[in-house]
């Protein structure tokens, strides 16, 4: 009888690449005194783990990825940046690109680090090695707008008053309710959304 040896990580998510594993990353996100760089690595590690996990583990990770002090800081920072970077419903290039760069430059160094770290590539991994790399990409996007683009007829987008008020910061974001599915998704769906929040910049 042939017996196949099952190695760790062959089924289910692999071991978390963070000192102390899930427990260590969870502790980092709940420790206000922890260094920003370590907290970002912990957040990214848990968000990556969440994407690969089953329903039960996702439910266990959700409180940390949504309600921990650092997770709330990430959410508020990215939301504030997105609002500041919005050029309005009638904006045409290069206004959106310029507004995005202006909003990023207005952030504190710590907030720039958070926003840059939340940019993901197609594989779900961090797309930037540093805030300066992300800024260089924003500058390249602005520089790449051809002059002819500025003379193109405008496309009209109509937004509801509620949407306009929210983007203008006049209303608080509505709470995100769980979205049931065959996989039994939890509130941690918001964690993946936060992690990919600024993909619109690309």
Protein backbone atom coordinates (compact mmCIF):
# COMPACT_ATOMS: atom_id res chain seq x y z
CA UNK A 1 0.00 0.00 0.00
CA UNK A 2 1.46 3.33 -1.07
CA UNK A 3 1.19 6.18 1.40
CA UNK A 4 1.61 9.73 0.21
CA UNK A 5 3.24 12.08 2.67
CA UNK A 6 1.32 15.33 3.06
CA UNK A 7 3.59 18.27 3.69
CA UNK A 8 2.64 21.33 5.69
CA UNK A 9 0.84 23.86 3.55
CA UNK A 10 -0.07 21.37 0.81
CA UNK A 11 -3.71 21.80 1.68
CA UNK A 12 -5.06 25.09 2.97
CA UNK A 13 -3.14 28.32 3.43
CA UNK A 14 0.62 28.10 3.93
CA UNK A 15 2.26 29.18 7.17
CA UNK A 16 2.03 32.93 7.68
CA UNK A 17 5.27 34.68 6.77
CA UNK A 18 5.42 36.87 9.86
CA UNK A 19 7.23 36.43 13.20
CA UNK A 20 4.88 34.55 15.50
CA UNK A 21 2.52 33.61 12.66
CA UNK A 22 -1.14 34.62 12.89
CA UNK A 23 -0.87 35.31 16.62
CA UNK A 24 2.14 37.58 16.12
CA UNK A 25 0.51 39.50 13.29
CA UNK A 26 -2.71 39.88 15.26
CA UNK A 27 -0.81 41.23 18.25
CA UNK A 28 1.01 43.75 16.03
CA UNK A 29 -2.24 45.14 14.61
CA UNK A 30 -3.70 45.53 18.10
CA UNK A 31 -0.61 47.24 19.56
CA UNK A 32 -0.74 51.03 19.07
CA UNK A 33 2.94 51.27 20.03
CA UNK A 34 4.13 48.89 17.31
CA UNK A 35 6.28 50.31 14.49
CA UNK A 36 4.39 51.28 11.33
CA UNK A 37 6.54 49.12 9.05
CA UNK A 38 5.89 46.02 11.14
CA UNK A 39 2.18 46.71 11.29
CA UNK A 40 1.97 47.10 7.52
CA UNK A 41 3.75 43.76 7.04
CA UNK A 42 1.41 42.15 9.55
CA UNK A 43 -1.66 43.59 7.83
CA UNK A 44 -0.48 42.48 4.39
CA UNK A 45 0.35 39.01 5.70
CA UNK A 46 -3.07 38.55 7.30
CA UNK A 47 -4.89 39.97 4.25
CA UNK A 48 -2.99 37.53 2.04
CA UNK A 49 -3.81 34.68 4.41
CA UNK A 50 -7.47 35.70 4.35
CA UNK A 51 -7.60 35.47 0.55
CA UNK A 52 -6.39 31.85 0.70
CA UNK A 53 -8.35 30.73 3.76
CA UNK A 54 -11.61 28.84 4.10
CA UNK A 55 -14.78 30.19 5.66
CA UNK A 56 -13.95 29.33 9.27
CA UNK A 57 -10.50 30.89 9.19
CA UNK A 58 -11.79 33.96 7.38
CA UNK A 59 -14.34 34.44 10.14
CA UNK A 60 -11.55 34.16 12.72
CA UNK A 61 -9.36 36.70 10.92
CA UNK A 62 -12.18 39.20 10.28
CA UNK A 63 -12.12 41.00 13.66
CA UNK A 64 -8.41 41.76 13.31
CA UNK A 65 -8.61 42.84 9.67
CA UNK A 66 -11.65 45.04 10.27
CA UNK A 67 -11.79 46.17 13.89
CA UNK A 68 -8.19 46.26 15.14
CA UNK A 69 -6.77 49.76 15.78
CA UNK A 70 -4.39 49.50 12.84
CA UNK A 71 -7.04 48.17 10.45
CA UNK A 72 -9.22 51.16 11.31
CA UNK A 73 -6.27 53.46 10.70
CA UNK A 74 -5.73 51.92 7.27
CA UNK A 75 -9.40 52.29 6.39
CA UNK A 76 -9.62 55.93 7.49
CA UNK A 77 -6.34 56.87 5.79
CA UNK A 78 -7.21 55.28 2.45
CA UNK A 79 -10.75 56.68 2.56
CA UNK A 80 -9.45 60.21 3.25
CA UNK A 81 -6.93 59.90 0.43
CA UNK A 82 -9.58 58.67 -2.01
CA UNK A 83 -11.84 61.60 -1.18
CA UNK A 84 -9.01 64.12 -1.55
CA UNK A 85 -7.91 62.54 -4.84
CA UNK A 86 -11.37 62.73 -6.44
CA UNK A 87 -11.34 65.44 -9.10
CA UNK A 88 -15.12 65.63 -9.52
CA UNK A 89 -17.67 64.05 -11.89
CA UNK A 90 -16.81 66.31 -14.82
CA UNK A 91 -13.03 66.13 -14.59
CA UNK A 92 -11.08 65.16 -17.68
CA UNK A 93 -7.37 64.30 -18.06
CA UNK A 94 -5.02 65.51 -16.83
CA UNK A 95 -7.12 66.80 -13.90
CA UNK A 96 -7.73 63.36 -12.27
CA UNK A 97 -4.05 62.44 -12.52
CA UNK A 98 -2.96 65.83 -11.15
CA UNK A 99 -5.48 65.63 -8.30
CA UNK A 100 -4.26 62.15 -7.36
CA UNK A 101 -0.66 63.33 -7.18
CA UNK A 102 -1.62 66.47 -5.26
CA UNK A 103 -3.59 64.41 -2.72
CA UNK A 104 -0.69 62.02 -2.21
CA UNK A 105 1.80 64.85 -1.73
CA UNK A 106 -0.48 66.39 0.91
CA UNK A 107 -0.33 63.25 3.09
CA UNK A 108 2.01 62.90 6.03
CA UNK A 109 4.99 60.58 5.57
CA UNK A 110 3.27 57.87 7.63
CA UNK A 111 0.03 58.14 5.66
CA UNK A 112 1.96 58.06 2.38
CA UNK A 113 3.52 54.80 3.54
CA UNK A 114 0.09 53.34 4.30
CA UNK A 115 -1.48 54.42 1.00
CA UNK A 116 1.48 53.18 -1.03
CA UNK A 117 1.45 49.83 0.78
CA UNK A 118 -2.22 49.31 -0.06
CA UNK A 119 -1.56 49.31 -3.81
CA UNK A 120 -1.60 45.74 -5.12
CA UNK A 121 -0.46 44.16 -8.35
CA UNK A 122 -2.45 41.61 -10.34
CA UNK A 123 -1.30 38.78 -8.07
CA UNK A 124 -2.48 40.55 -4.92
CA UNK A 125 1.03 41.44 -3.76
CA UNK A 126 2.19 44.96 -2.83
CA UNK A 127 2.88 46.84 -6.06
CA UNK A 128 5.32 49.40 -4.66
CA UNK A 129 8.61 49.01 -2.84
CA UNK A 130 8.24 52.41 -1.18
CA UNK A 131 6.11 55.57 -1.13
CA UNK A 132 8.58 57.21 -3.52
CA UNK A 133 7.98 54.40 -6.01
CA UNK A 134 4.24 54.99 -5.84
CA UNK A 135 4.70 58.75 -6.24
CA UNK A 136 6.90 58.15 -9.28
CA UNK A 137 4.10 56.06 -10.77
CA UNK A 138 1.55 58.81 -10.14
CA UNK A 139 3.88 61.35 -11.75
CA UNK A 140 4.38 59.04 -14.74
CA UNK A 141 0.60 58.69 -15.11
CA UNK A 142 0.29 62.48 -15.18
CA UNK A 143 3.16 62.93 -17.62
CA UNK A 144 1.73 60.25 -19.90
CA UNK A 145 -1.50 62.18 -20.58
CA UNK A 146 -1.16 63.41 -24.17
CA UNK A 147 -2.06 67.00 -24.97
CA UNK A 148 -4.78 65.79 -27.34
CA UNK A 149 -6.50 64.13 -24.37
CA UNK A 150 -7.21 67.53 -22.90
CA UNK A 151 -9.13 68.59 -26.00
CA UNK A 152 -11.28 65.46 -26.18
CA UNK A 153 -15.04 66.00 -25.66
CA UNK A 154 -16.04 65.39 -22.08
CA UNK A 155 -17.94 62.30 -21.00
CA UNK A 156 -20.73 63.12 -18.57
CA UNK A 157 -21.16 61.03 -15.42
CA UNK A 158 -24.20 61.56 -13.22
CA UNK A 159 -23.90 60.66 -9.55
CA UNK A 160 -26.61 60.60 -6.92
CA UNK A 161 -26.65 63.32 -4.26
CA UNK A 162 -25.74 60.70 -1.65
CA UNK A 163 -22.68 59.65 -3.64
CA UNK A 164 -21.61 63.27 -4.18
CA UNK A 165 -22.04 64.06 -0.48
CA UNK A 166 -19.98 61.04 0.52
CA UNK A 167 -17.14 61.85 -1.86
CA UNK A 168 -17.20 65.44 -0.63
CA UNK A 169 -16.88 64.15 2.95
CA UNK A 170 -20.23 65.53 4.06
CA UNK A 171 -21.63 62.18 5.17
CA UNK A 172 -20.19 59.21 7.01
CA UNK A 173 -19.70 56.01 4.99
CA UNK A 174 -22.55 53.58 5.35
CA UNK A 175 -21.69 50.39 7.28
CA UNK A 176 -20.79 47.44 5.10
CA UNK A 177 -23.14 44.54 5.69
CA UNK A 178 -22.06 40.90 5.22
CA UNK A 179 -22.70 39.48 1.75
CA UNK A 180 -23.87 35.87 2.12
CA UNK A 181 -22.86 33.42 -0.58
CA UNK A 182 -22.25 29.74 -1.11
CA UNK A 183 -18.93 30.24 0.65
CA UNK A 184 -20.53 32.02 3.57
CA UNK A 185 -18.50 35.21 3.27
CA UNK A 186 -18.13 37.41 6.33
CA UNK A 187 -17.40 41.04 7.06
CA UNK A 188 -13.82 40.28 6.11
CA UNK A 189 -14.86 40.89 2.48
CA UNK A 190 -14.16 44.48 3.44
CA UNK A 191 -10.55 43.59 4.22
CA UNK A 192 -9.92 42.51 0.65
CA UNK A 193 -11.66 45.66 -0.60
CA UNK A 194 -9.48 47.85 1.61
CA UNK A 195 -6.35 46.04 0.46
CA UNK A 196 -7.25 46.68 -3.18
CA UNK A 197 -8.90 50.05 -2.54
CA UNK A 198 -6.59 52.24 -4.56
CA UNK A 199 -6.33 50.09 -7.67
CA UNK A 200 -8.29 52.85 -9.42
CA UNK A 201 -5.07 54.84 -9.40
CA UNK A 202 -3.69 52.45 -11.99
